[in-house]
Each structure stands twice: as structure tokens, then as C-alpha cells.
Amino acid sequence: VAEVLLTTSVSDLYQSQRGLLLLLLLALGFSAVGSFRSERESGALELLLVAPLRVNQIIFGRLRGLWMQFLPALVVLLAANFYLNYGWAHPPGDVDTRATLVQFACTFVTLPVIGLYFSMRRMNFIVAWLLACALGLLLPWFAGGPLMALMQALGLPQVGLVGPLVVQLVLACAAWLKLHFDLSRRRFALK
């Protein structure tokens, strides 16, 4: 409501939606990076690991908690986006709307995984958050371009977001595997 009341023109609404989506992702990364930090520092993480839970259950439970924490904000932002782009009297005709929402959804799933990996590192919290955001938000766009060029050189069909999405998914899978390995081997206590 404040967004609608404070805008001076119709085009500001569309730009502010992207800004709000980015802010939501940054907050999600912030929460993910801080997720295991207090348990690791207090020793409670070791108690979690000796409980009758598998490492994957601990990781997925924490991810589910992060996703559910941000789900209400996500629903409100997506509803506002759909209303502005499809139900309003002056839609912008923005062909990037679906691509933006697909990229946002993929980042919403993968950024917490990367953030959880960095929550296990013994480094400054802000540095860990910046690294998680750089890997989860920026690197896919920079590395996705060369991947798209390689796909074009090989004659493979291209879809606009395939390069960044593939890079994002590979980074999240690598973070999940490394996090799982570190938790299984209790390597968080050594680093």
C-alpha cells in the first residue's frame, strides 16, 4: 500500500517491484547465513547431529523453516506482480515478467542452500552474507553468459535464462554436498 501511495508515476510501480524482490532475496540470504551460526557457536549443533536425525533431515528442516519464514512476503509480492502485469488497466507489456519471476523462484530455492553453507564457515557474518549473495545472485549472471555462448557455439537451443539458472543450480548442489559432507564429518568444529 505504501508503495502505491508513494509512487509518482505508473512506471515506478514496475521498477519498485523488482527492487522489493531483490530486497526479499537479500533478507533471505541474511537469514540463511545466520541460520546455523548460533548453534555452531554454542555447541548445540553437535547435539543436533547426535540426535536420531539424518544430516539431510537437519539441512532440509532448516531450509523449510527459512522458506516458510519468507513465504508470506513472497505471496504478497507475487500477487502484486501478477496484478500489475496482468490484471491492471495499464499493463506494461513486459515480456521479461515471467523470466524475472522464474529467476526469482529459482533464487528463492537456491540462495538459502548457499547461505546455509556459509553459515557453517568461521568468518565474519557480513563477509559470509556478501559472499553468499555474490555466489547466489551475481555469479550466475556473469557465468551464465559464457555458458549461453557455448550453447550457441554447439548449436543447442537457447532459452533466455538457461545459463544463469544452470549455474545457480550447480552452485546450490555443490553447496548442499559440501554442507552435507562437513556436517557428516563434523568439520564445522575445525574451521
N, C-alpha and C. Protein backbone atom coordinates (compact mmCIF):
# COMPACT_ATOMS: atom_id res chain seq x y z
N VAL A 1 0.84 -1.19 0.00
CA VAL A 1 0.00 0.00 0.00
C VAL A 1 0.88 1.25 0.00
N ALA A 2 1.93 1.23 0.83
CA ALA A 2 2.83 2.39 0.87
C ALA A 2 3.51 2.57 -0.47
N GLU A 3 3.83 1.47 -1.13
CA GLU A 3 4.46 1.55 -2.44
C GLU A 3 3.56 2.27 -3.44
N VAL A 4 2.29 1.94 -3.44
CA VAL A 4 1.34 2.56 -4.36
C VAL A 4 1.15 4.04 -4.02
N LEU A 5 1.08 4.36 -2.73
CA LEU A 5 0.85 5.74 -2.33
C LEU A 5 2.06 6.64 -2.57
N LEU A 6 3.26 6.08 -2.51
CA LEU A 6 4.48 6.89 -2.65
C LEU A 6 5.00 7.02 -4.07
N THR A 7 4.43 6.30 -5.01
CA THR A 7 4.92 6.39 -6.38
C THR A 7 4.34 7.61 -7.06
N THR A 8 5.15 8.17 -7.94
CA THR A 8 4.72 9.37 -8.66
C THR A 8 4.21 9.06 -10.06
N SER A 9 4.60 7.91 -10.60
CA SER A 9 4.10 7.53 -11.93
C SER A 9 3.89 6.03 -11.96
N VAL A 10 3.19 5.60 -12.99
CA VAL A 10 2.85 4.19 -13.13
C VAL A 10 4.11 3.35 -13.34
N SER A 11 5.07 3.85 -14.09
CA SER A 11 6.28 3.06 -14.36
C SER A 11 7.11 2.82 -13.10
N ASP A 12 6.98 3.69 -12.10
CA ASP A 12 7.70 3.48 -10.84
C ASP A 12 7.24 2.22 -10.13
N LEU A 13 5.97 1.87 -10.28
CA LEU A 13 5.46 0.66 -9.64
C LEU A 13 6.19 -0.58 -10.15
N TYR A 14 6.43 -0.65 -11.44
CA TYR A 14 7.07 -1.83 -12.01
C TYR A 14 8.53 -1.93 -11.58
N GLN A 15 9.21 -0.80 -11.54
CA GLN A 15 10.60 -0.82 -11.10
C GLN A 15 10.71 -1.13 -9.61
N SER A 16 9.79 -0.63 -8.81
CA SER A 16 9.86 -0.89 -7.38
C SER A 16 9.58 -2.34 -7.05
N GLN A 17 8.81 -3.03 -7.88
CA GLN A 17 8.57 -4.46 -7.65
C GLN A 17 9.86 -5.25 -7.76
N ARG A 18 10.67 -4.94 -8.74
CA ARG A 18 11.97 -5.62 -8.86
C ARG A 18 12.86 -5.31 -7.68
N GLY A 19 12.82 -4.06 -7.22
CA GLY A 19 13.60 -3.69 -6.04
C GLY A 19 13.14 -4.44 -4.80
N LEU A 20 11.83 -4.59 -4.64
CA LEU A 20 11.30 -5.33 -3.50
C LEU A 20 11.66 -6.81 -3.57
N LEU A 21 11.64 -7.36 -4.77
CA LEU A 21 12.06 -8.76 -4.93
C LEU A 21 13.52 -8.93 -4.55
N LEU A 22 14.37 -8.00 -4.96
CA LEU A 22 15.78 -8.06 -4.61
C LEU A 22 15.97 -7.92 -3.10
N LEU A 23 15.24 -7.01 -2.46
CA LEU A 23 15.34 -6.86 -1.01
C LEU A 23 14.90 -8.13 -0.28
N LEU A 24 13.87 -8.78 -0.78
CA LEU A 24 13.43 -10.03 -0.17
C LEU A 24 14.51 -11.10 -0.29
N LEU A 25 15.17 -11.17 -1.43
CA LEU A 25 16.24 -12.14 -1.61
C LEU A 25 17.43 -11.84 -0.71
N LEU A 26 17.78 -10.57 -0.57
CA LEU A 26 18.88 -10.20 0.33
C LEU A 26 18.55 -10.54 1.77
N ALA A 27 17.31 -10.33 2.18
CA ALA A 27 16.90 -10.69 3.54
C ALA A 27 16.91 -12.21 3.73
N LEU A 28 16.50 -12.93 2.71
CA LEU A 28 16.54 -14.40 2.76
C LEU A 28 17.97 -14.90 2.92
N GLY A 29 18.89 -14.32 2.16
CA GLY A 29 20.31 -14.68 2.30
C GLY A 29 20.84 -14.33 3.67
N PHE A 30 20.41 -13.20 4.21
CA PHE A 30 20.84 -12.76 5.54
C PHE A 30 20.40 -13.77 6.60
N SER A 31 19.15 -14.20 6.53
CA SER A 31 18.64 -15.19 7.48
C SER A 31 19.33 -16.54 7.32
N ALA A 32 19.59 -16.93 6.08
CA ALA A 32 20.24 -18.23 5.84
C ALA A 32 21.65 -18.25 6.38
N VAL A 33 22.40 -17.16 6.19
CA VAL A 33 23.78 -17.11 6.66
C VAL A 33 23.83 -17.13 8.18
N GLY A 34 22.85 -16.58 8.83
CA GLY A 34 22.83 -16.59 10.29
C GLY A 34 22.19 -17.83 10.89
N SER A 35 21.72 -18.73 10.03
CA SER A 35 20.92 -19.84 10.49
C SER A 35 21.64 -20.81 11.43
N PHE A 36 22.73 -21.40 11.02
CA PHE A 36 23.45 -22.36 11.86
C PHE A 36 24.50 -21.69 12.74
N ARG A 37 24.68 -20.40 12.58
CA ARG A 37 25.76 -19.70 13.28
C ARG A 37 25.66 -19.81 14.80
N SER A 38 24.50 -19.52 15.35
CA SER A 38 24.39 -19.55 16.82
C SER A 38 24.50 -20.98 17.36
N GLU A 39 23.94 -21.95 16.64
CA GLU A 39 24.06 -23.35 17.07
C GLU A 39 25.51 -23.81 17.01
N ARG A 40 26.20 -23.39 15.98
CA ARG A 40 27.61 -23.77 15.86
C ARG A 40 28.44 -23.17 16.98
N GLU A 41 28.20 -21.90 17.29
CA GLU A 41 28.99 -21.21 18.30
C GLU A 41 28.67 -21.68 19.72
N SER A 42 27.42 -22.08 19.98
CA SER A 42 27.04 -22.51 21.33
C SER A 42 27.28 -23.99 21.58
N GLY A 43 27.53 -24.76 20.51
CA GLY A 43 27.72 -26.20 20.68
C GLY A 43 26.44 -26.99 20.49
N ALA A 44 25.31 -26.32 20.29
CA ALA A 44 24.04 -27.01 20.11
C ALA A 44 23.99 -27.79 18.80
N LEU A 45 24.81 -27.41 17.82
CA LEU A 45 24.83 -28.12 16.55
C LEU A 45 25.32 -29.56 16.74
N GLU A 46 26.27 -29.75 17.63
CA GLU A 46 26.74 -31.11 17.92
C GLU A 46 25.63 -31.95 18.52
N LEU A 47 24.80 -31.34 19.36
CA LEU A 47 23.66 -32.07 19.93
C LEU A 47 22.65 -32.43 18.85
N LEU A 48 22.43 -31.53 17.91
CA LEU A 48 21.54 -31.83 16.79
C LEU A 48 22.05 -33.01 15.97
N LEU A 49 23.37 -33.05 15.80
CA LEU A 49 23.95 -34.09 14.95
C LEU A 49 23.97 -35.46 15.62
N VAL A 50 23.90 -35.52 16.93
CA VAL A 50 23.84 -36.82 17.59
C VAL A 50 22.41 -37.26 17.85
N ALA A 51 21.45 -36.39 17.55
CA ALA A 51 20.03 -36.74 17.66
C ALA A 51 19.71 -37.77 16.58
N PRO A 52 18.61 -38.49 16.75
CA PRO A 52 18.26 -39.52 15.74
C PRO A 52 17.70 -38.92 14.46
N LEU A 53 18.40 -37.96 13.93
CA LEU A 53 18.05 -37.33 12.65
C LEU A 53 19.22 -37.50 11.70
N ARG A 54 18.89 -37.70 10.44
CA ARG A 54 19.95 -37.74 9.44
C ARG A 54 20.36 -36.31 9.10
N VAL A 55 21.55 -36.18 8.54
CA VAL A 55 22.07 -34.87 8.19
C VAL A 55 21.16 -34.20 7.17
N ASN A 56 20.67 -34.95 6.20
CA ASN A 56 19.76 -34.37 5.20
C ASN A 56 18.48 -33.86 5.84
N GLN A 57 17.98 -34.53 6.87
CA GLN A 57 16.78 -34.06 7.56
C GLN A 57 17.04 -32.74 8.28
N ILE A 58 18.22 -32.60 8.87
CA ILE A 58 18.57 -31.36 9.55
C ILE A 58 18.66 -30.22 8.55
N ILE A 59 19.35 -30.46 7.44
CA ILE A 59 19.52 -29.42 6.43
C ILE A 59 18.18 -29.04 5.82
N PHE A 60 17.39 -30.06 5.41
CA PHE A 60 16.13 -29.75 4.77
C PHE A 60 15.15 -29.10 5.75
N GLY A 61 15.18 -29.50 7.01
CA GLY A 61 14.32 -28.87 8.00
C GLY A 61 14.64 -27.39 8.16
N ARG A 62 15.93 -27.07 8.16
CA ARG A 62 16.33 -25.66 8.28
C ARG A 62 15.93 -24.90 7.01
N LEU A 63 16.10 -25.51 5.84
CA LEU A 63 15.68 -24.86 4.60
C LEU A 63 14.18 -24.62 4.58
N ARG A 64 13.42 -25.62 4.98
CA ARG A 64 11.97 -25.47 5.00
C ARG A 64 11.56 -24.35 5.95
N GLY A 65 12.24 -24.25 7.09
CA GLY A 65 11.96 -23.16 8.02
C GLY A 65 12.24 -21.79 7.41
N LEU A 66 13.35 -21.69 6.67
CA LEU A 66 13.67 -20.42 6.01
C LEU A 66 12.64 -20.08 4.94
N TRP A 67 12.26 -21.08 4.14
CA TRP A 67 11.28 -20.83 3.08
C TRP A 67 9.94 -20.42 3.68
N MET A 68 9.51 -21.08 4.74
CA MET A 68 8.23 -20.75 5.36
C MET A 68 8.26 -19.37 6.03
N GLN A 69 9.42 -18.97 6.53
CA GLN A 69 9.56 -17.65 7.14
C GLN A 69 9.30 -16.55 6.13
N PHE A 70 9.73 -16.76 4.89
CA PHE A 70 9.60 -15.73 3.86
C PHE A 70 8.42 -15.97 2.93
N LEU A 71 7.67 -17.03 3.13
CA LEU A 71 6.54 -17.33 2.25
C LEU A 71 5.46 -16.25 2.24
N PRO A 72 5.04 -15.71 3.38
CA PRO A 72 4.01 -14.65 3.30
C PRO A 72 4.45 -13.44 2.47
N ALA A 73 5.69 -13.00 2.65
CA ALA A 73 6.19 -11.87 1.86
C ALA A 73 6.25 -12.25 0.38
N LEU A 74 6.64 -13.48 0.10
CA LEU A 74 6.69 -13.95 -1.28
C LEU A 74 5.31 -13.93 -1.92
N VAL A 75 4.32 -14.41 -1.22
CA VAL A 75 2.95 -14.45 -1.76
C VAL A 75 2.45 -13.04 -2.05
N VAL A 76 2.70 -12.11 -1.14
CA VAL A 76 2.25 -10.73 -1.34
C VAL A 76 2.94 -10.12 -2.55
N LEU A 77 4.26 -10.32 -2.67
CA LEU A 77 4.99 -9.76 -3.80
C LEU A 77 4.56 -10.38 -5.13
N LEU A 78 4.37 -11.70 -5.15
CA LEU A 78 3.93 -12.34 -6.38
C LEU A 78 2.52 -11.90 -6.77
N ALA A 79 1.63 -11.76 -5.79
CA ALA A 79 0.28 -11.28 -6.09
C ALA A 79 0.32 -9.86 -6.65
N ALA A 80 1.15 -9.01 -6.07
CA ALA A 80 1.27 -7.64 -6.57
C ALA A 80 1.85 -7.64 -7.99
N ASN A 81 2.85 -8.50 -8.22
CA ASN A 81 3.44 -8.59 -9.56
C ASN A 81 2.42 -9.05 -10.58
N PHE A 82 1.66 -10.09 -10.28
CA PHE A 82 0.66 -10.58 -11.22
C PHE A 82 -0.43 -9.53 -11.45
N TYR A 83 -0.85 -8.85 -10.42
CA TYR A 83 -1.86 -7.82 -10.60
C TYR A 83 -1.35 -6.69 -11.48
N LEU A 84 -0.13 -6.23 -11.21
CA LEU A 84 0.42 -5.13 -12.00
C LEU A 84 0.63 -5.52 -13.46
N ASN A 85 1.05 -6.76 -13.70
CA ASN A 85 1.40 -7.15 -15.06
C ASN A 85 0.26 -7.77 -15.85
N TYR A 86 -0.76 -8.28 -15.18
CA TYR A 86 -1.81 -8.97 -15.93
C TYR A 86 -3.22 -8.48 -15.62
N GLY A 87 -3.45 -7.89 -14.48
CA GLY A 87 -4.81 -7.53 -14.12
C GLY A 87 -5.09 -6.05 -14.07
N TRP A 88 -4.06 -5.25 -14.18
CA TRP A 88 -4.24 -3.81 -14.05
C TRP A 88 -4.66 -3.20 -15.38
N ALA A 89 -5.22 -2.03 -15.35
CA ALA A 89 -5.72 -1.38 -16.57
C ALA A 89 -4.59 -0.95 -17.50
N HIS A 90 -3.39 -0.74 -16.98
CA HIS A 90 -2.28 -0.26 -17.81
C HIS A 90 -1.08 -1.20 -17.69
N PRO A 91 -1.21 -2.45 -18.18
CA PRO A 91 -0.06 -3.34 -18.08
C PRO A 91 1.08 -2.87 -18.98
N PRO A 92 2.31 -3.09 -18.58
CA PRO A 92 3.43 -2.58 -19.35
C PRO A 92 3.73 -3.40 -20.59
N GLY A 93 3.15 -4.58 -20.71
CA GLY A 93 3.51 -5.43 -21.83
C GLY A 93 4.92 -5.96 -21.69
N ASP A 94 5.39 -6.11 -20.48
CA ASP A 94 6.75 -6.52 -20.18
C ASP A 94 6.91 -8.02 -20.43
N VAL A 95 7.71 -8.36 -21.43
CA VAL A 95 7.94 -9.77 -21.73
C VAL A 95 8.90 -10.41 -20.74
N ASP A 96 9.61 -9.59 -19.98
CA ASP A 96 10.56 -10.12 -19.01
C ASP A 96 9.91 -10.49 -17.68
N THR A 97 8.62 -10.26 -17.53
CA THR A 97 7.96 -10.52 -16.26
C THR A 97 8.06 -11.99 -15.87
N ARG A 98 7.72 -12.87 -16.78
CA ARG A 98 7.79 -14.30 -16.48
C ARG A 98 9.23 -14.72 -16.21
N ALA A 99 10.14 -14.21 -17.00
CA ALA A 99 11.55 -14.55 -16.80
C ALA A 99 12.04 -14.07 -15.44
N THR A 100 11.62 -12.88 -15.04
CA THR A 100 12.00 -12.35 -13.73
C THR A 100 11.45 -13.22 -12.61
N LEU A 101 10.20 -13.65 -12.75
CA LEU A 101 9.59 -14.47 -11.72
C LEU A 101 10.22 -15.87 -11.66
N VAL A 102 10.59 -16.43 -12.80
CA VAL A 102 11.27 -17.73 -12.81
C VAL A 102 12.63 -17.61 -12.16
N GLN A 103 13.36 -16.56 -12.50
CA GLN A 103 14.67 -16.34 -11.90
C GLN A 103 14.54 -16.12 -10.39
N PHE A 104 13.54 -15.36 -9.98
CA PHE A 104 13.31 -15.12 -8.57
C PHE A 104 12.98 -16.42 -7.84
N ALA A 105 12.11 -17.24 -8.42
CA ALA A 105 11.74 -18.51 -7.79
C ALA A 105 12.95 -19.43 -7.64
N CYS A 106 13.78 -19.49 -8.66
CA CYS A 106 14.98 -20.33 -8.58
C CYS A 106 15.93 -19.79 -7.51
N THR A 107 16.09 -18.50 -7.45
CA THR A 107 16.96 -17.90 -6.43
C THR A 107 16.37 -18.10 -5.05
N PHE A 108 15.06 -18.03 -4.92
CA PHE A 108 14.39 -18.25 -3.64
C PHE A 108 14.67 -19.66 -3.12
N VAL A 109 14.81 -20.62 -4.02
CA VAL A 109 15.10 -22.00 -3.62
C VAL A 109 16.59 -22.22 -3.38
N THR A 110 17.45 -21.63 -4.21
CA THR A 110 18.88 -21.95 -4.14
C THR A 110 19.68 -21.07 -3.18
N LEU A 111 19.32 -19.81 -3.00
CA LEU A 111 20.09 -18.92 -2.15
C LEU A 111 20.17 -19.39 -0.69
N PRO A 112 19.09 -19.92 -0.10
CA PRO A 112 19.22 -20.42 1.26
C PRO A 112 20.20 -21.59 1.39
N VAL A 113 20.30 -22.41 0.37
CA VAL A 113 21.26 -23.52 0.42
C VAL A 113 22.68 -22.97 0.49
N ILE A 114 22.96 -22.00 -0.35
CA ILE A 114 24.28 -21.37 -0.35
C ILE A 114 24.51 -20.63 0.96
N GLY A 115 23.47 -19.97 1.47
CA GLY A 115 23.58 -19.27 2.75
C GLY A 115 23.85 -20.22 3.91
N LEU A 116 23.20 -21.39 3.91
CA LEU A 116 23.46 -22.37 4.96
C LEU A 116 24.90 -22.85 4.92
N TYR A 117 25.43 -23.03 3.73
CA TYR A 117 26.84 -23.42 3.62
C TYR A 117 27.73 -22.36 4.28
N PHE A 118 27.46 -21.10 4.00
CA PHE A 118 28.28 -20.04 4.58
C PHE A 118 28.00 -19.82 6.07
N SER A 119 26.86 -20.29 6.55
CA SER A 119 26.60 -20.18 7.99
C SER A 119 27.51 -21.11 8.78
N MET A 120 28.08 -22.10 8.12
CA MET A 120 28.99 -23.05 8.78
C MET A 120 30.45 -22.58 8.75
N ARG A 121 30.75 -21.58 7.97
CA ARG A 121 32.13 -21.08 7.87
C ARG A 121 32.44 -20.18 9.04
N ARG A 122 33.64 -20.25 9.52
CA ARG A 122 34.10 -19.36 10.60
C ARG A 122 34.67 -18.10 9.95
N MET A 123 33.79 -17.18 9.66
CA MET A 123 34.18 -15.89 9.09
C MET A 123 33.21 -14.84 9.59
N ASN A 124 33.55 -13.61 9.37
CA ASN A 124 32.70 -12.51 9.76
C ASN A 124 31.32 -12.68 9.12
N PHE A 125 30.27 -12.38 9.87
CA PHE A 125 28.91 -12.57 9.39
C PHE A 125 28.63 -11.77 8.13
N ILE A 126 29.02 -10.51 8.10
CA ILE A 126 28.74 -9.66 6.94
C ILE A 126 29.51 -10.16 5.72
N VAL A 127 30.75 -10.59 5.92
CA VAL A 127 31.53 -11.15 4.81
C VAL A 127 30.86 -12.41 4.28
N ALA A 128 30.41 -13.27 5.19
CA ALA A 128 29.72 -14.50 4.77
C ALA A 128 28.44 -14.17 4.00
N TRP A 129 27.69 -13.17 4.46
CA TRP A 129 26.46 -12.78 3.77
C TRP A 129 26.76 -12.22 2.39
N LEU A 130 27.78 -11.37 2.29
CA LEU A 130 28.15 -10.81 0.99
C LEU A 130 28.62 -11.89 0.03
N LEU A 131 29.39 -12.85 0.52
CA LEU A 131 29.84 -13.95 -0.34
C LEU A 131 28.66 -14.82 -0.80
N ALA A 132 27.75 -15.10 0.11
CA ALA A 132 26.57 -15.90 -0.26
C ALA A 132 25.74 -15.17 -1.31
N CYS A 133 25.54 -13.88 -1.13
CA CYS A 133 24.77 -13.11 -2.11
C CYS A 133 25.50 -13.00 -3.44
N ALA A 134 26.82 -12.85 -3.39
CA ALA A 134 27.60 -12.79 -4.63
C ALA A 134 27.50 -14.10 -5.39
N LEU A 135 27.62 -15.22 -4.68
CA LEU A 135 27.53 -16.52 -5.34
C LEU A 135 26.11 -16.84 -5.80
N GLY A 136 25.12 -16.49 -5.00
CA GLY A 136 23.75 -16.84 -5.32
C GLY A 136 23.04 -15.89 -6.26
N LEU A 137 23.47 -14.63 -6.27
CA LEU A 137 22.77 -13.63 -7.08
C LEU A 137 23.59 -13.13 -8.27
N LEU A 138 24.86 -12.83 -8.06
CA LEU A 138 25.66 -12.20 -9.11
C LEU A 138 26.37 -13.20 -10.02
N LEU A 139 27.04 -14.18 -9.44
CA LEU A 139 27.82 -15.13 -10.23
C LEU A 139 27.00 -15.84 -11.31
N PRO A 140 25.76 -16.26 -11.04
CA PRO A 140 25.00 -16.90 -12.12
C PRO A 140 24.84 -16.04 -13.36
N TRP A 141 24.72 -14.71 -13.17
CA TRP A 141 24.56 -13.84 -14.33
C TRP A 141 25.87 -13.65 -15.08
N PHE A 142 26.98 -13.58 -14.34
CA PHE A 142 28.27 -13.41 -15.02
C PHE A 142 28.74 -14.71 -15.67
N ALA A 143 28.51 -15.83 -15.02
CA ALA A 143 28.94 -17.12 -15.57
C ALA A 143 27.93 -17.66 -16.57
N GLY A 144 26.68 -17.22 -16.47
CA GLY A 144 25.66 -17.70 -17.39
C GLY A 144 25.85 -17.23 -18.82
N GLY A 145 26.45 -16.05 -18.99
CA GLY A 145 26.71 -15.53 -20.34
C GLY A 145 27.65 -16.42 -21.14
N PRO A 146 28.82 -16.78 -20.61
CA PRO A 146 29.69 -17.70 -21.34
C PRO A 146 29.05 -19.06 -21.60
N LEU A 147 28.24 -19.53 -20.66
CA LEU A 147 27.55 -20.80 -20.86
C LEU A 147 26.58 -20.70 -22.02
N MET A 148 25.87 -19.57 -22.13
CA MET A 148 24.96 -19.37 -23.26
C MET A 148 25.73 -19.30 -24.58
N ALA A 149 26.91 -18.64 -24.56
CA ALA A 149 27.74 -18.58 -25.77
C ALA A 149 28.21 -19.97 -26.18
N LEU A 150 28.57 -20.79 -25.21
CA LEU A 150 28.97 -22.17 -25.50
C LEU A 150 27.82 -22.96 -26.09
N MET A 151 26.62 -22.77 -25.54
CA MET A 151 25.45 -23.46 -26.08
C MET A 151 25.18 -23.03 -27.52
N GLN A 152 25.37 -21.75 -27.80
CA GLN A 152 25.17 -21.25 -29.16
C GLN A 152 26.21 -21.83 -30.10
N ALA A 153 27.46 -21.91 -29.64
CA ALA A 153 28.52 -22.47 -30.47
C ALA A 153 28.28 -23.95 -30.76
N LEU A 154 27.69 -24.66 -29.84
CA LEU A 154 27.40 -26.08 -30.03
C LEU A 154 26.12 -26.31 -30.80
N GLY A 155 25.39 -25.24 -31.10
CA GLY A 155 24.16 -25.35 -31.86
C GLY A 155 22.97 -25.82 -31.03
N LEU A 156 23.08 -25.71 -29.71
CA LEU A 156 21.98 -26.11 -28.84
C LEU A 156 20.95 -24.99 -28.76
N PRO A 157 19.68 -25.36 -28.61
CA PRO A 157 18.66 -24.32 -28.49
C PRO A 157 18.86 -23.52 -27.20
N GLN A 158 18.58 -22.23 -27.28
CA GLN A 158 18.77 -21.35 -26.14
C GLN A 158 17.45 -20.80 -25.65
N VAL A 159 17.33 -20.77 -24.37
CA VAL A 159 16.22 -20.10 -23.71
C VAL A 159 16.87 -19.04 -22.83
N GLY A 160 16.30 -17.86 -22.77
CA GLY A 160 16.92 -16.72 -22.12
C GLY A 160 17.60 -16.94 -20.79
N LEU A 161 17.02 -17.72 -19.90
CA LEU A 161 17.56 -17.85 -18.55
C LEU A 161 18.29 -19.16 -18.29
N VAL A 162 18.45 -20.00 -19.29
CA VAL A 162 19.04 -21.31 -19.05
C VAL A 162 20.43 -21.21 -18.46
N GLY A 163 21.27 -20.34 -18.97
CA GLY A 163 22.64 -20.21 -18.48
C GLY A 163 22.70 -19.85 -17.00
N PRO A 164 22.09 -18.73 -16.60
CA PRO A 164 22.12 -18.38 -15.17
C PRO A 164 21.44 -19.41 -14.28
N LEU A 165 20.34 -20.01 -14.73
CA LEU A 165 19.66 -21.00 -13.90
C LEU A 165 20.50 -22.25 -13.70
N VAL A 166 21.18 -22.69 -14.74
CA VAL A 166 22.05 -23.87 -14.62
C VAL A 166 23.19 -23.58 -13.65
N VAL A 167 23.80 -22.41 -13.78
CA VAL A 167 24.90 -22.04 -12.87
C VAL A 167 24.38 -21.96 -11.43
N GLN A 168 23.23 -21.38 -11.25
CA GLN A 168 22.65 -21.26 -9.92
C GLN A 168 22.38 -22.64 -9.31
N LEU A 169 21.81 -23.54 -10.09
CA LEU A 169 21.52 -24.88 -9.59
C LEU A 169 22.79 -25.67 -9.29
N VAL A 170 23.80 -25.52 -10.12
CA VAL A 170 25.08 -26.20 -9.87
C VAL A 170 25.72 -25.68 -8.59
N LEU A 171 25.71 -24.37 -8.39
CA LEU A 171 26.26 -23.79 -7.16
C LEU A 171 25.50 -24.27 -5.92
N ALA A 172 24.17 -24.33 -6.01
CA ALA A 172 23.38 -24.80 -4.87
C ALA A 172 23.64 -26.27 -4.59
N CYS A 173 23.76 -27.09 -5.63
CA CYS A 173 24.06 -28.51 -5.42
C CYS A 173 25.45 -28.69 -4.80
N ALA A 174 26.41 -27.93 -5.26
CA ALA A 174 27.75 -28.00 -4.68
C ALA A 174 27.74 -27.57 -3.22
N ALA A 175 26.99 -26.51 -2.90
CA ALA A 175 26.90 -26.04 -1.52
C ALA A 175 26.21 -27.09 -0.65
N TRP A 176 25.15 -27.72 -1.17
CA TRP A 176 24.45 -28.77 -0.42
C TRP A 176 25.40 -29.93 -0.13
N LEU A 177 26.11 -30.39 -1.15
CA LEU A 177 27.02 -31.52 -0.96
C LEU A 177 28.14 -31.20 0.02
N LYS A 178 28.72 -30.01 -0.09
CA LYS A 178 29.79 -29.62 0.83
C LYS A 178 29.26 -29.46 2.24
N LEU A 179 28.07 -28.88 2.40
CA LEU A 179 27.46 -28.73 3.71
C LEU A 179 27.17 -30.10 4.32
N HIS A 180 26.62 -31.00 3.52
CA HIS A 180 26.33 -32.36 3.99
C HIS A 180 27.62 -33.06 4.40
N PHE A 181 28.65 -32.95 3.59
CA PHE A 181 29.93 -33.57 3.91
C PHE A 181 30.51 -33.01 5.21
N ASP A 182 30.49 -31.69 5.35
CA ASP A 182 31.04 -31.06 6.56
C ASP A 182 30.25 -31.44 7.81
N LEU A 183 28.93 -31.48 7.70
CA LEU A 183 28.13 -31.87 8.86
C LEU A 183 28.31 -33.35 9.19
N SER A 184 28.40 -34.19 8.18
CA SER A 184 28.60 -35.62 8.42
C SER A 184 29.94 -35.90 9.08
N ARG A 185 30.94 -35.18 8.69
CA ARG A 185 32.29 -35.38 9.23
C ARG A 185 32.60 -34.49 10.43
N ARG A 186 31.61 -33.68 10.84
CA ARG A 186 31.77 -32.75 11.96
C ARG A 186 32.93 -31.79 11.72
N ARG A 187 33.08 -31.36 10.49
CA ARG A 187 34.20 -30.48 10.14
C ARG A 187 33.95 -29.03 10.51
N PHE A 188 32.77 -28.70 10.93
CA PHE A 188 32.47 -27.33 11.31
C PHE A 188 33.24 -26.92 12.55
N ALA A 189 33.60 -27.89 13.39
CA ALA A 189 34.30 -27.57 14.63
C ALA A 189 35.76 -27.22 14.38
N LEU A 190 36.28 -27.65 13.25
CA LEU A 190 37.69 -27.43 12.96
C LEU A 190 37.96 -26.16 12.20
N LYS A 191 36.94 -25.61 11.57
CA LYS A 191 37.15 -24.43 10.73
C LYS A 191 36.61 -23.20 11.39
